[in-house]
Protein backbone atom coordinates (compact mmCIF):
# COMPACT_ATOMS: atom_id res chain seq x y z
CA MET A 1 -25.65 -129.08 -163.90
CA ARG A 2 -27.46 -131.21 -166.46
CA LEU A 3 -26.28 -134.90 -166.48
CA THR A 4 -26.92 -135.08 -170.23
CA ARG A 5 -24.41 -132.33 -170.68
CA THR A 6 -21.66 -134.15 -168.64
CA SER A 7 -22.05 -137.79 -169.21
CA ASP A 8 -19.77 -137.98 -172.31
CA LEU A 9 -16.93 -136.58 -170.21
CA TRP A 10 -17.35 -139.33 -167.55
CA TRP A 11 -13.82 -139.00 -166.35
CA LYS A 12 -14.18 -135.39 -165.19
CA ASN A 13 -16.02 -136.28 -161.93
CA ALA A 14 -14.90 -140.01 -161.79
CA VAL A 15 -13.52 -141.75 -158.79
CA VAL A 16 -10.50 -143.71 -159.98
CA TYR A 17 -9.12 -146.64 -157.94
CA CYS A 18 -5.76 -148.06 -158.64
CA LEU A 19 -5.04 -151.72 -157.69
CA ASP A 20 -2.55 -154.42 -158.48
CA VAL A 21 -4.32 -157.77 -159.32
CA GLU A 22 -1.58 -159.79 -157.53
CA THR A 23 -2.10 -158.13 -154.25
CA TYR A 24 -5.76 -157.71 -154.14
CA GLN A 25 -7.57 -161.04 -153.74
CA ASP A 26 -6.30 -164.71 -154.12
CA SER A 27 -9.18 -166.94 -155.26
CA ASP A 28 -7.39 -170.33 -155.39
CA GLY A 29 -5.08 -170.25 -152.47
CA ASP A 30 -1.75 -170.20 -154.18
CA GLY A 31 -0.81 -166.87 -152.50
CA THR A 32 -1.07 -164.65 -155.60
CA GLY A 33 -4.03 -162.45 -156.32
CA ASP A 34 -5.92 -163.05 -159.56
CA PHE A 35 -8.72 -161.77 -161.61
CA ALA A 36 -11.15 -164.34 -160.33
CA GLY A 37 -10.58 -162.97 -156.78
CA LEU A 38 -10.70 -159.42 -157.96
CA THR A 39 -14.09 -160.03 -159.55
CA GLN A 40 -15.46 -161.38 -156.36
CA ARG A 41 -14.57 -158.21 -154.62
CA ILE A 42 -16.11 -155.84 -157.14
CA ASP A 43 -19.08 -154.91 -154.93
CA HIS A 44 -16.63 -153.47 -152.29
CA LEU A 45 -15.63 -150.97 -155.02
CA VAL A 46 -19.41 -150.29 -155.86
CA ARG A 47 -20.23 -149.61 -152.19
CA LEU A 48 -17.24 -147.38 -151.96
CA GLY A 49 -18.39 -145.28 -154.86
CA VAL A 50 -15.62 -146.09 -157.36
CA THR A 51 -16.57 -145.42 -160.99
CA CYS A 52 -13.32 -146.43 -162.66
CA VAL A 53 -10.66 -149.19 -161.81
CA TRP A 54 -7.05 -148.61 -162.96
CA LEU A 55 -5.25 -151.90 -163.32
CA MET A 56 -1.52 -152.00 -162.67
CA PRO A 57 0.39 -154.25 -165.20
CA PHE A 58 -1.15 -157.79 -165.47
CA TYR A 59 0.85 -158.94 -168.46
CA PRO A 60 3.36 -161.68 -168.68
CA THR A 61 6.57 -160.56 -166.94
CA ARG A 62 9.87 -161.59 -165.47
CA GLU A 63 8.98 -159.76 -162.35
CA ARG A 64 12.08 -157.53 -162.37
CA ASP A 65 10.05 -154.44 -161.81
CA ASP A 66 6.72 -155.52 -160.28
CA GLY A 67 5.23 -156.27 -163.59
CA TYR A 68 6.55 -153.24 -165.49
CA ASP A 69 9.09 -155.45 -167.41
CA ILE A 70 6.69 -156.94 -169.81
CA THR A 71 7.41 -160.01 -171.99
CA ASP A 72 4.07 -160.03 -173.93
CA PHE A 73 1.70 -157.16 -174.44
CA TYR A 74 -1.16 -159.29 -175.72
CA ALA A 75 -1.70 -161.61 -172.85
CA VAL A 76 -2.38 -162.01 -169.08
CA ASP A 77 0.24 -163.33 -166.70
CA PRO A 78 -0.76 -167.06 -166.14
CA ARG A 79 -0.39 -166.49 -162.32
CA LEU A 80 -3.17 -163.94 -162.55
CA GLY A 81 -5.61 -165.78 -164.74
CA THR A 82 -6.53 -166.00 -168.34
CA LEU A 83 -7.89 -163.60 -171.04
CA GLY A 84 -11.23 -165.09 -170.19
CA ASP A 85 -10.90 -164.12 -166.59
CA PHE A 86 -9.77 -160.60 -167.54
CA THR A 87 -12.90 -160.10 -169.90
CA GLU A 88 -15.24 -161.56 -167.20
CA PHE A 89 -13.86 -158.91 -164.77
CA VAL A 90 -14.35 -156.18 -167.26
CA ARG A 91 -17.83 -157.30 -168.04
CA THR A 92 -18.69 -157.69 -164.34
CA ALA A 93 -17.24 -154.15 -163.64
CA ARG A 94 -19.35 -152.70 -166.45
CA ASP A 95 -22.36 -154.36 -165.10
CA ARG A 96 -21.86 -152.50 -161.92
CA GLY A 97 -21.30 -149.19 -163.69
CA ILE A 98 -17.51 -149.25 -163.32
CA ARG A 99 -15.17 -148.62 -166.25
CA VAL A 100 -11.63 -150.24 -166.28
CA ILE A 101 -8.41 -148.72 -167.59
CA ALA A 102 -4.97 -150.25 -167.50
CA ASP A 103 -1.40 -149.42 -167.47
CA LEU A 104 0.08 -148.80 -170.95
CA VAL A 105 3.85 -149.47 -170.54
CA VAL A 106 5.35 -149.05 -173.88
CA ASN A 107 8.33 -146.88 -172.96
CA HIS A 108 10.30 -150.20 -172.63
CA THR A 109 9.96 -153.99 -172.65
CA SER A 110 11.56 -156.86 -170.70
CA ASP A 111 14.96 -157.90 -171.95
CA HIS A 112 13.26 -161.32 -172.25
CA HIS A 113 10.57 -160.01 -174.65
CA PRO A 114 10.85 -161.81 -178.02
CA TRP A 115 11.37 -158.47 -179.77
CA PHE A 116 14.55 -157.71 -177.67
CA GLN A 117 15.72 -161.24 -177.80
CA ASP A 118 15.64 -161.08 -181.63
CA ALA A 119 17.04 -157.57 -181.67
CA ARG A 120 20.16 -158.51 -179.65
CA SER A 121 20.93 -161.65 -181.71
CA SER A 122 22.30 -159.63 -184.69
CA ARG A 123 22.68 -155.97 -185.85
CA THR A 124 20.72 -156.98 -188.92
CA SER A 125 17.70 -158.31 -187.01
CA LYS A 126 14.36 -157.35 -187.99
CA TYR A 127 13.69 -155.86 -184.58
CA ARG A 128 17.12 -154.21 -184.19
CA ASP A 129 15.65 -150.67 -184.79
CA TRP A 130 12.90 -151.30 -182.35
CA TYR A 131 15.40 -150.37 -179.63
CA VAL A 132 17.99 -147.52 -179.26
CA TRP A 133 21.57 -148.74 -179.94
CA CYS A 134 24.93 -146.85 -180.15
CA ASP A 135 28.59 -147.70 -180.23
CA SER A 136 29.34 -145.51 -177.33
CA PRO A 137 27.07 -143.46 -175.11
CA PRO A 138 26.56 -139.98 -176.68
CA GLU A 139 27.62 -137.05 -174.68
CA ASP A 140 24.34 -135.36 -175.41
CA GLY A 141 22.23 -138.43 -174.75
CA PRO A 142 19.69 -138.76 -171.94
CA GLU A 143 20.83 -138.47 -168.40
CA GLY A 144 19.51 -139.44 -165.00
CA VAL A 145 18.47 -143.00 -164.09
CA VAL A 146 15.04 -143.67 -162.65
CA PHE A 147 16.44 -146.14 -159.99
CA PRO A 148 19.78 -144.60 -158.82
CA ASP A 149 20.07 -147.17 -155.97
CA VAL A 150 20.58 -149.90 -158.59
CA GLU A 151 21.62 -148.37 -161.91
CA LYS A 152 24.52 -145.96 -162.51
CA SER A 153 23.99 -145.38 -166.28
CA VAL A 154 21.09 -145.42 -168.82
CA TRP A 155 23.26 -147.38 -171.34
CA GLU A 156 24.11 -151.10 -170.99
CA TYR A 157 26.72 -152.89 -173.03
CA ASP A 158 25.49 -155.86 -175.02
CA GLU A 159 28.30 -158.31 -175.54
CA THR A 160 26.60 -160.26 -178.44
CA THR A 161 26.36 -157.36 -180.88
CA GLU A 162 28.98 -155.08 -179.11
CA GLN A 163 26.84 -151.99 -178.82
CA TYR A 164 25.09 -150.16 -176.03
CA TYR A 165 21.34 -150.11 -175.58
CA LEU A 166 19.36 -147.42 -173.81
CA HIS A 167 17.36 -148.07 -170.62
CA ARG A 168 15.92 -145.30 -168.55
CA PHE A 169 14.80 -147.86 -165.87
CA TYR A 170 16.46 -151.17 -164.91
CA LYS A 171 18.95 -152.60 -167.45
CA GLN A 172 16.45 -155.50 -167.79
CA GLN A 173 14.10 -152.99 -169.35
CA PRO A 174 15.50 -151.76 -172.70
CA ASP A 175 13.77 -148.71 -174.12
CA LEU A 176 11.68 -148.96 -177.23
CA ASN A 177 12.56 -146.67 -180.21
CA VAL A 178 9.26 -144.86 -180.55
CA ALA A 179 10.75 -142.89 -183.48
CA ASN A 180 10.46 -146.12 -185.44
CA PRO A 181 7.10 -146.09 -187.40
CA ALA A 182 6.81 -149.88 -186.86
CA VAL A 183 7.03 -149.46 -183.14
CA ARG A 184 4.34 -146.74 -183.25
CA ASP A 185 2.04 -148.97 -185.28
CA GLU A 186 2.60 -151.86 -182.83
CA ILE A 187 1.72 -149.50 -179.84
CA ALA A 188 -1.62 -148.63 -181.67
CA ARG A 189 -2.26 -152.33 -182.16
CA ILE A 190 -1.65 -152.90 -178.45
CA MET A 191 -4.15 -150.20 -177.48
CA GLY A 192 -6.68 -151.42 -180.11
CA PHE A 193 -6.48 -154.97 -178.77
CA TRP A 194 -7.28 -154.12 -175.17
CA THR A 195 -9.97 -151.54 -176.11
CA GLN A 196 -11.55 -154.25 -178.10
CA LEU A 197 -11.69 -156.37 -174.98
CA GLY A 198 -13.44 -153.65 -173.02
CA LEU A 199 -10.98 -151.19 -171.63
CA SER A 200 -12.06 -147.52 -171.30
CA GLY A 201 -8.56 -146.23 -171.70
CA PHE A 202 -5.01 -146.33 -170.32
CA ARG A 203 -2.77 -144.81 -167.71
CA VAL A 204 0.29 -143.96 -169.85
CA ASP A 205 3.48 -144.79 -167.95
CA ALA A 206 6.42 -142.38 -167.96
CA VAL A 207 5.18 -140.21 -170.73
CA PRO A 208 8.11 -137.83 -171.10
CA PHE A 209 10.45 -140.86 -171.41
CA LEU A 210 8.14 -142.40 -174.11
CA LEU A 211 8.42 -139.33 -176.24
CA GLU A 212 12.17 -138.64 -175.76
CA THR A 213 14.54 -138.55 -178.71
CA ASP A 214 17.73 -137.58 -176.92
CA GLY A 215 20.64 -139.74 -177.98
CA GLN A 216 19.25 -140.56 -181.43
CA GLU A 217 21.46 -139.52 -184.28
CA ASP A 218 18.49 -138.24 -186.38
CA ALA A 219 16.69 -136.63 -183.50
CA ASP A 220 16.40 -133.23 -185.33
CA GLN A 221 14.76 -135.02 -188.35
CA LEU A 222 12.18 -137.03 -186.31
CA PRO A 223 8.59 -135.97 -186.03
CA ASP A 224 7.39 -133.84 -183.11
CA PRO A 225 6.80 -136.22 -180.15
CA HIS A 226 3.63 -134.32 -179.23
CA GLU A 227 2.28 -134.92 -182.76
CA TYR A 228 2.74 -138.66 -182.04
CA LEU A 229 0.85 -138.31 -178.66
CA ALA A 230 -1.95 -136.54 -180.51
CA ASP A 231 -1.96 -139.31 -183.07
CA LEU A 232 -2.43 -141.84 -180.27
CA ARG A 233 -5.26 -139.82 -178.70
CA SER A 234 -6.88 -139.58 -182.13
CA PHE A 235 -6.53 -143.36 -182.72
CA LEU A 236 -8.03 -144.22 -179.36
CA GLY A 237 -10.95 -141.79 -180.04
CA ARG A 238 -11.75 -143.60 -183.27
CA ARG A 239 -11.69 -146.95 -181.55
CA SER A 240 -13.55 -145.84 -178.47
CA GLY A 241 -15.03 -142.38 -178.31
CA ASP A 242 -15.25 -142.20 -174.55
CA ALA A 243 -11.79 -143.69 -173.72
CA VAL A 244 -9.11 -141.80 -171.89
CA LEU A 245 -5.37 -141.37 -171.62
CA LEU A 246 -4.31 -140.63 -168.07
CA GLY A 247 -0.68 -139.54 -168.17
CA GLU A 248 2.17 -139.91 -165.70
CA VAL A 249 3.95 -136.49 -166.32
CA ASN A 250 6.07 -135.48 -163.38
CA LEU A 251 7.29 -132.05 -164.57
CA PRO A 252 6.98 -128.41 -163.66
CA TYR A 253 3.44 -127.07 -164.45
CA PRO A 254 4.25 -125.25 -167.74
CA ASP A 255 5.99 -128.36 -169.11
CA THR A 256 3.20 -130.78 -167.97
CA ALA A 257 0.49 -128.56 -169.43
CA LYS A 258 2.04 -129.05 -172.84
CA PHE A 259 1.04 -132.77 -172.67
CA PHE A 260 -2.60 -131.70 -172.75
CA GLY A 261 -2.05 -130.73 -176.39
CA ASP A 262 -3.33 -127.78 -178.40
CA SER A 263 -4.29 -125.01 -175.95
CA GLU A 264 -5.32 -122.70 -178.73
CA SER A 265 -8.43 -124.72 -179.52
CA SER A 266 -9.19 -124.85 -175.80
CA ARG A 267 -10.02 -128.60 -176.28
CA GLY A 268 -6.80 -130.51 -175.77
CA ASP A 269 -5.77 -133.22 -178.25
CA GLU A 270 -3.19 -135.29 -176.43
CA LEU A 271 -3.53 -136.54 -172.79
CA THR A 272 -7.00 -136.51 -171.38
CA MET A 273 -5.76 -136.06 -167.85
CA CYS A 274 -2.27 -135.37 -166.20
CA PHE A 275 -1.41 -136.16 -162.68
CA ASP A 276 -0.92 -133.12 -160.52
CA PHE A 277 2.44 -134.00 -158.96
CA ILE A 278 3.22 -130.44 -158.04
CA GLY A 279 0.10 -129.96 -156.08
CA MET A 280 0.43 -133.23 -154.23
CA GLN A 281 4.01 -132.46 -153.08
CA GLN A 282 3.01 -128.90 -152.01
CA MET A 283 0.02 -130.42 -149.99
CA TYR A 284 2.56 -132.41 -148.05
CA LEU A 285 4.80 -129.47 -147.43
CA SER A 286 1.51 -127.52 -146.18
CA MET A 287 0.88 -130.48 -143.78
CA ALA A 288 4.34 -130.50 -142.53
CA ARG A 289 4.31 -126.79 -141.80
CA GLY A 290 0.73 -126.41 -140.63
CA GLU A 291 0.30 -123.68 -143.21
CA ALA A 292 -1.68 -123.22 -146.34
CA ALA A 293 0.74 -121.13 -148.28
CA PRO A 294 2.56 -123.80 -150.22
CA LEU A 295 -0.50 -125.54 -151.60
CA ALA A 296 -2.32 -122.14 -152.13
CA ALA A 297 0.55 -120.96 -154.31
CA ALA A 298 0.61 -124.24 -156.34
CA LEU A 299 -3.06 -123.98 -156.99
CA ARG A 300 -2.73 -120.34 -158.17
CA GLU A 301 0.14 -121.33 -160.47
CA ARG A 302 -1.42 -124.35 -161.96
CA PRO A 303 -2.41 -123.85 -165.50
CA ALA A 304 -6.02 -124.35 -166.46
CA ALA A 305 -6.60 -127.57 -168.33
CA PRO A 306 -8.20 -127.37 -171.74
CA ARG A 307 -11.94 -127.62 -171.89
CA ASP A 308 -11.95 -131.36 -172.64
CA ALA A 309 -9.14 -132.27 -170.30
CA HIS A 310 -8.55 -132.33 -166.58
CA TRP A 311 -5.91 -132.61 -163.92
CA ALA A 312 -5.89 -135.86 -161.80
CA THR A 313 -5.26 -135.43 -157.97
CA PHE A 314 -4.05 -137.90 -155.57
CA VAL A 315 -2.70 -138.33 -152.05
CA ARG A 316 -0.18 -141.02 -152.94
CA ASN A 317 0.30 -143.47 -155.91
CA HIS A 318 1.74 -146.86 -156.23
CA ASP A 319 5.41 -145.76 -156.38
CA GLU A 320 7.30 -143.90 -153.71
CA LEU A 321 5.67 -140.72 -152.59
CA THR A 322 7.95 -138.53 -154.70
CA LEU A 323 9.13 -135.23 -153.33
CA ASP A 324 11.40 -134.44 -156.22
CA LYS A 325 9.94 -131.04 -157.17
CA LEU A 326 10.58 -129.61 -153.71
CA ASP A 327 13.89 -127.92 -152.99
CA ASP A 328 16.30 -129.55 -150.70
CA ASP A 329 15.26 -127.74 -147.68
CA GLU A 330 11.53 -128.24 -148.29
CA ARG A 331 12.12 -131.97 -148.87
CA ALA A 332 14.09 -132.10 -145.57
CA GLU A 333 11.06 -130.53 -143.87
CA VAL A 334 8.67 -133.18 -145.17
CA PHE A 335 11.23 -135.96 -144.44
CA ALA A 336 11.52 -134.68 -140.86
CA ALA A 337 7.75 -134.57 -140.36
CA PHE A 338 6.60 -137.74 -142.04
CA GLY A 339 9.65 -139.99 -142.73
CA PRO A 340 12.62 -139.19 -140.42
CA ASP A 341 14.23 -142.64 -140.50
CA LYS A 342 16.40 -143.51 -143.45
CA GLU A 343 14.53 -146.77 -144.05
CA MET A 344 11.41 -144.60 -144.59
CA GLN A 345 12.95 -142.82 -147.54
CA LEU A 346 13.77 -143.90 -151.05
CA TYR A 347 16.22 -142.54 -153.76
CA ASP A 348 16.72 -139.50 -151.55
CA ARG A 349 13.54 -138.05 -153.15
CA GLY A 350 10.53 -139.67 -151.70
CA LEU A 351 8.91 -141.68 -148.96
CA ARG A 352 7.88 -145.38 -149.13
CA ARG A 353 5.03 -144.86 -146.73
CA ARG A 354 1.29 -144.54 -146.60
CA LEU A 355 -0.33 -141.59 -145.00
CA PRO A 356 -1.85 -143.04 -141.73
CA PRO A 357 1.48 -144.12 -140.30
CA MET A 358 3.06 -140.92 -141.51
CA VAL A 359 0.74 -138.82 -139.17
CA ASP A 360 0.89 -141.44 -136.30
CA GLY A 361 -2.73 -142.62 -137.08
CA ASP A 362 -4.22 -139.10 -136.42
CA ARG A 363 -7.58 -139.55 -138.19
CA ARG A 364 -8.07 -135.80 -138.38
CA ARG A 365 -4.95 -135.32 -140.50
CA VAL A 366 -5.88 -138.24 -142.65
CA GLU A 367 -9.33 -136.92 -143.27
CA LEU A 368 -7.98 -133.51 -144.09
CA ALA A 369 -5.89 -134.96 -146.85
CA TYR A 370 -8.84 -136.90 -148.33
CA SER A 371 -11.22 -133.98 -148.09
CA LEU A 372 -8.50 -132.03 -150.10
CA LEU A 373 -8.43 -134.97 -152.59
CA PHE A 374 -12.23 -134.83 -153.35
CA SER A 375 -12.72 -131.04 -153.12
CA LEU A 376 -9.71 -129.68 -154.96
CA PRO A 377 -10.26 -129.24 -158.74
CA GLY A 378 -9.26 -132.44 -160.59
CA THR A 379 -10.33 -136.10 -160.84
CA PRO A 380 -9.51 -137.90 -157.62
CA VAL A 381 -7.45 -141.09 -157.88
CA LEU A 382 -7.22 -143.54 -154.92
CA PHE A 383 -4.59 -146.28 -154.25
CA TYR A 384 -6.05 -149.53 -152.98
CA GLY A 385 -6.32 -149.75 -149.18
CA GLU A 386 -6.46 -146.08 -148.71
CA GLU A 387 -10.11 -146.35 -148.12
CA ILE A 388 -9.58 -148.47 -144.87
CA GLY A 389 -6.43 -146.60 -143.60
CA MET A 390 -3.79 -149.29 -144.53
CA GLY A 391 -0.16 -148.66 -143.59
CA GLU A 392 3.10 -149.97 -145.17
CA ASN A 393 5.48 -152.72 -144.38
CA LEU A 394 9.01 -151.42 -144.43
CA ALA A 395 10.45 -154.96 -144.36
CA ALA A 396 9.51 -155.10 -148.02
CA GLU A 397 12.03 -153.92 -150.51
CA GLY A 398 11.85 -150.43 -152.02
CA ARG A 399 8.47 -149.43 -153.41
CA GLN A 400 7.03 -152.84 -152.40
CA ALA A 401 6.48 -151.42 -148.91
CA VAL A 402 3.25 -149.93 -150.01
CA ARG A 403 2.16 -152.64 -152.38
CA THR A 404 1.23 -155.16 -149.65
CA PRO A 405 -1.83 -157.50 -149.69
CA MET A 406 -5.23 -155.87 -149.36
CA GLN A 407 -6.66 -156.38 -145.79
CA TRP A 408 -10.17 -157.71 -145.92
CA THR A 409 -10.51 -159.57 -142.58
CA PRO A 410 -8.71 -159.73 -139.21
CA ASP A 411 -6.96 -162.97 -139.96
CA LYS A 412 -3.22 -163.23 -140.27
CA SER A 413 -3.22 -162.87 -144.06
CA GLY A 414 -5.88 -160.24 -143.86
CA GLY A 415 -8.33 -162.43 -145.89
CA PHE A 416 -6.12 -162.07 -148.95
CA THR A 417 -5.51 -165.72 -149.33
CA ALA A 418 -6.97 -169.00 -147.88
CA GLY A 419 -3.63 -170.80 -148.61
CA GLU A 420 -1.47 -172.02 -145.82
CA GLY A 421 2.25 -171.57 -145.84
CA VAL A 422 2.11 -170.08 -149.36
CA GLU A 423 4.52 -167.32 -150.57
CA LEU A 424 2.77 -164.01 -150.87
CA PRO A 425 3.72 -161.25 -153.45
CA ASN A 426 4.76 -159.09 -150.53
CA PRO A 427 4.55 -159.35 -146.75
CA VAL A 428 1.34 -158.44 -144.93
CA VAL A 429 1.50 -155.20 -142.76
CA THR A 430 2.15 -155.85 -139.14
CA GLY A 431 1.61 -154.03 -135.94
CA THR A 432 -0.81 -151.10 -135.48
CA PHE A 433 -1.90 -151.06 -139.10
CA GLY A 434 -1.96 -154.82 -139.57
CA PRO A 435 -5.11 -156.62 -140.58
CA THR A 436 -6.19 -157.44 -136.97
CA LYS A 437 -6.66 -153.63 -136.47
CA VAL A 438 -7.31 -152.42 -139.96
CA ASN A 439 -9.50 -154.36 -142.34
CA ALA A 440 -12.60 -153.84 -144.50
CA HIS A 441 -14.78 -156.34 -142.68
CA ASP A 442 -14.66 -154.67 -139.34
CA GLN A 443 -15.23 -151.09 -140.91
CA ALA A 444 -17.99 -152.12 -143.26
CA HIS A 445 -20.93 -151.05 -141.11
CA ASP A 446 -19.35 -148.27 -139.14
CA PRO A 447 -20.05 -144.82 -140.62
CA ASP A 448 -17.31 -143.28 -138.48
CA SER A 449 -14.68 -145.81 -139.62
CA PRO A 450 -12.12 -144.77 -142.29
CA LEU A 451 -14.07 -146.70 -144.84
CA GLY A 452 -17.31 -145.13 -143.63
CA ARG A 453 -15.88 -141.61 -143.86
CA MET A 454 -14.30 -142.22 -147.28
CA ARG A 455 -17.70 -143.40 -148.60
CA THR A 456 -19.24 -140.26 -147.28
CA LEU A 457 -16.58 -138.01 -148.97
CA ILE A 458 -17.18 -139.79 -152.18
CA GLU A 459 -20.90 -139.39 -151.95
CA ARG A 460 -20.64 -135.78 -151.27
CA TYR A 461 -18.09 -135.23 -153.97
CA ARG A 462 -20.46 -136.91 -156.59
CA GLU A 463 -23.35 -134.76 -155.29
CA THR A 464 -21.41 -131.57 -155.73
CA PRO A 465 -20.63 -131.05 -159.47
CA GLU A 466 -19.23 -127.58 -158.84
CA LEU A 467 -16.09 -129.23 -157.53
CA ALA A 468 -15.42 -131.20 -160.75
CA TRP A 469 -16.91 -128.91 -163.37
CA GLY A 470 -16.79 -125.41 -161.89
CA ASP A 471 -14.23 -122.67 -162.07
CA TYR A 472 -12.18 -122.38 -159.03
CA ARG A 473 -10.22 -119.55 -157.33
CA VAL A 474 -8.18 -119.53 -154.20
CA ILE A 475 -9.34 -116.83 -151.67
CA ASP A 476 -7.30 -115.27 -149.14
CA ALA A 477 -8.03 -116.11 -145.44
CA ASP A 478 -7.09 -114.19 -142.39
CA ASP A 479 -5.37 -117.12 -140.84
CA PRO A 480 -2.06 -118.70 -142.25
CA GLY A 481 -3.40 -122.18 -141.49
CA VAL A 482 -6.53 -121.96 -143.59
CA LEU A 483 -6.84 -122.76 -147.27
CA VAL A 484 -9.99 -121.36 -148.94
CA HIS A 485 -11.23 -121.95 -152.39
CA LEU A 486 -14.47 -121.27 -154.31
CA SER A 487 -15.69 -123.57 -157.16
CA SER A 488 -18.56 -122.12 -159.07
CA LEU A 489 -20.87 -122.90 -161.91
CA GLU A 490 -23.60 -120.93 -163.44
CA GLY A 491 -26.34 -121.01 -160.82
CA GLY A 492 -24.35 -122.58 -158.03
CA ALA A 493 -21.07 -122.45 -155.94
CA VAL A 494 -19.29 -124.37 -153.15
CA LEU A 495 -17.01 -122.54 -150.63
CA VAL A 496 -14.35 -125.02 -149.25
CA LEU A 497 -12.10 -124.43 -146.20
CA HIS A 498 -9.25 -126.53 -144.83
CA ASN A 499 -7.44 -125.95 -141.51
CA PHE A 500 -3.79 -127.14 -141.73
CA SER A 501 -2.98 -126.23 -138.21
CA GLU A 502 -3.49 -127.92 -134.84
CA ARG A 503 -5.46 -124.87 -133.58
CA SER A 504 -9.12 -124.28 -133.58
CA VAL A 505 -9.67 -121.21 -135.70
CA THR A 506 -12.55 -118.93 -137.03
CA ALA A 507 -11.64 -117.99 -140.45
CA SER A 508 -13.02 -114.69 -141.72
CA VAL A 509 -13.35 -114.80 -145.59
CA ASP A 510 -14.24 -112.09 -147.92
CA VAL A 511 -16.13 -113.48 -150.95
CA PRO A 512 -17.56 -110.75 -153.25
CA GLY A 513 -20.14 -113.08 -154.56
CA LEU A 514 -21.66 -113.46 -151.13
CA ARG A 515 -22.45 -109.82 -150.74
CA GLY A 516 -26.00 -108.94 -149.62
CA GLY A 517 -26.07 -111.64 -147.12
CA ARG A 518 -26.27 -115.24 -148.57
CA LEU A 519 -27.23 -118.47 -146.88
CA LEU A 520 -24.60 -121.38 -146.88
CA THR A 521 -25.22 -124.89 -146.04
CA ASP A 522 -22.67 -127.41 -144.75
CA VAL A 523 -22.63 -130.22 -147.30
CA PHE A 524 -21.87 -132.86 -144.48
CA THR A 525 -24.11 -131.70 -141.63
CA GLY A 526 -26.77 -129.55 -143.19
CA ASP A 527 -26.03 -126.75 -140.69
CA THR A 528 -26.32 -123.22 -142.04
CA LEU A 529 -24.62 -119.84 -141.64
CA LYS A 530 -25.09 -116.58 -143.28
CA SER A 531 -22.65 -114.08 -144.87
CA ALA A 532 -22.55 -110.49 -143.70
CA ALA A 533 -23.97 -107.84 -146.03
CA ALA A 534 -20.52 -106.95 -147.30
CA GLY A 535 -19.74 -110.52 -148.25
CA LEU A 536 -17.71 -111.46 -145.25
CA VAL A 537 -18.32 -114.92 -143.72
CA ASP A 538 -16.82 -116.30 -140.48
CA VAL A 539 -16.29 -120.13 -140.48
CA ALA A 540 -15.35 -122.02 -137.34
CA LEU A 541 -12.91 -124.79 -138.00
CA ASP A 542 -11.67 -127.53 -135.61
CA PRO A 543 -7.84 -128.47 -135.63
CA TYR A 544 -7.18 -130.09 -138.94
CA GLY A 545 -10.88 -129.50 -139.76
CA TYR A 546 -12.66 -128.77 -143.07
CA ARG A 547 -15.98 -127.43 -144.30
CA TRP A 548 -17.72 -127.68 -147.70
CA LEU A 549 -20.32 -124.97 -147.79
CA ARG A 550 -22.87 -124.80 -150.61
CA VAL A 551 -23.99 -121.34 -151.52
CA ASN A 552 -27.74 -121.76 -151.49
CA THR A 553 -29.54 -121.34 -154.85
CA PRO A 554 -32.78 -119.31 -155.31
CA LEU A 555 -34.67 -122.58 -154.89
CA ASP A 556 -33.02 -123.11 -151.40
CA ASP A 557 -33.13 -119.43 -150.46
CA PRO A 558 -35.89 -117.54 -152.41
CA ASP A 559 -35.04 -114.23 -150.90
CA ARG A 560 -31.58 -114.27 -152.47
CA ALA A 561 -31.72 -114.79 -156.12
CA THR A 562 -28.39 -113.34 -157.06
CA ALA A 563 -26.06 -115.94 -158.43
CA VAL A 564 -22.46 -116.05 -157.28
């Protein structure tokens, strides 16, 4: 595929890497990561093959929700550095060919934000209508708290003005009233400010909550929330033509697809990308069962993204590994397989674990998951530490179990800080997955290490444009443990197989496009095999094994000039 045709849509075959500045690298020994430290580690990301860094919140905060309770949208938390440090990081990343996006958290603010402090001072405050207030919680208002272990209601009574305010998250995070035009204008200014400082877009936090109008007296008179999202996308495009909106939308497929925007135009005019929460959860169910069927069904059901939009795939993100879209029995299966102890679970819907400990360090199963990440259709998103096989620390509270300091070296702090006796944002991982056994330094020059294998997967992914740009279809296999899909472009195709079972298998796959006997080359090893005249191909797979097989083009196999 011609690079000149694809370069504008850089995000469609990007490798996105999510990190939290405060847990990545401490440059001054105070125990907190900072932009200066992150900048010094940028070449680790270059060597890994990352093309886009996603920054978790780095704004001033009261630290009631790991930075998601923001007190100033136009500044950097002093613990992490200055605006100058931020812009120097963005410039250095750009110099290395890496774009930067950041969390856009405008569903709510901190209750210590000056807007809310003013809003709660009087019912006639200038900022009163920037939040959602009511005399008593409406019966038809929003339901379901995000943190059920702490909050029992989405409404909190404010004694000063004797009204309730809405908060879908913690009570220290009052929801903004996005129906207010002044709030909408302010959100656009926030986006414009950070775009001007070099950001290439935003990961939009809690998109459905951002657009929700339940509980507002004039909800039926308010503009269509999707029209507002389209306006934001249009605004961002005017400020930076190649900037993206990556949306956190954890809804069933038909509902999530609406957030791409206008499907009739086949372009999409709202979110550039949506996370595939359904596919991720079905992948874990397939891994728990040792059967491909759950993930295969999800891939068949997943709506095609508009032409200028894409799905984003992930093995885990920075929150709990949510399993909320599985039914009770399915969730129990995944819990039993990967997190049987109550302390490993969170909110009765997810796991606060990383993948390597979940599979008892079985490298085959870890690699299987990341091969899926890079070969299934969608933009792959990594969470920091995944590249070296980091584990979690269950001694940390809630979601913080997976937000532990990055492990660079074998020393007791993992090379995260040089400070002695300083307080860290979260405790370092201990035991089998602690820094003495799992760290970037020891893996840097070992091609068979987790870091080495991750680099190889990324290299092959970037060399295989069919995976990101091609049409895909799931193909039936003759073994229940095997998932097969074909990604094809005009003039090229890649056949991908994954074995979810602990058995060695030889999968027989019938691919009509391979009829006449076609040569296939293993993307990783260079080994070749040939399909039968009728299009049947037999592929041997190790337990938890995977193969990426390129269907050779006429240039590789001149005797077979028929395109798939």
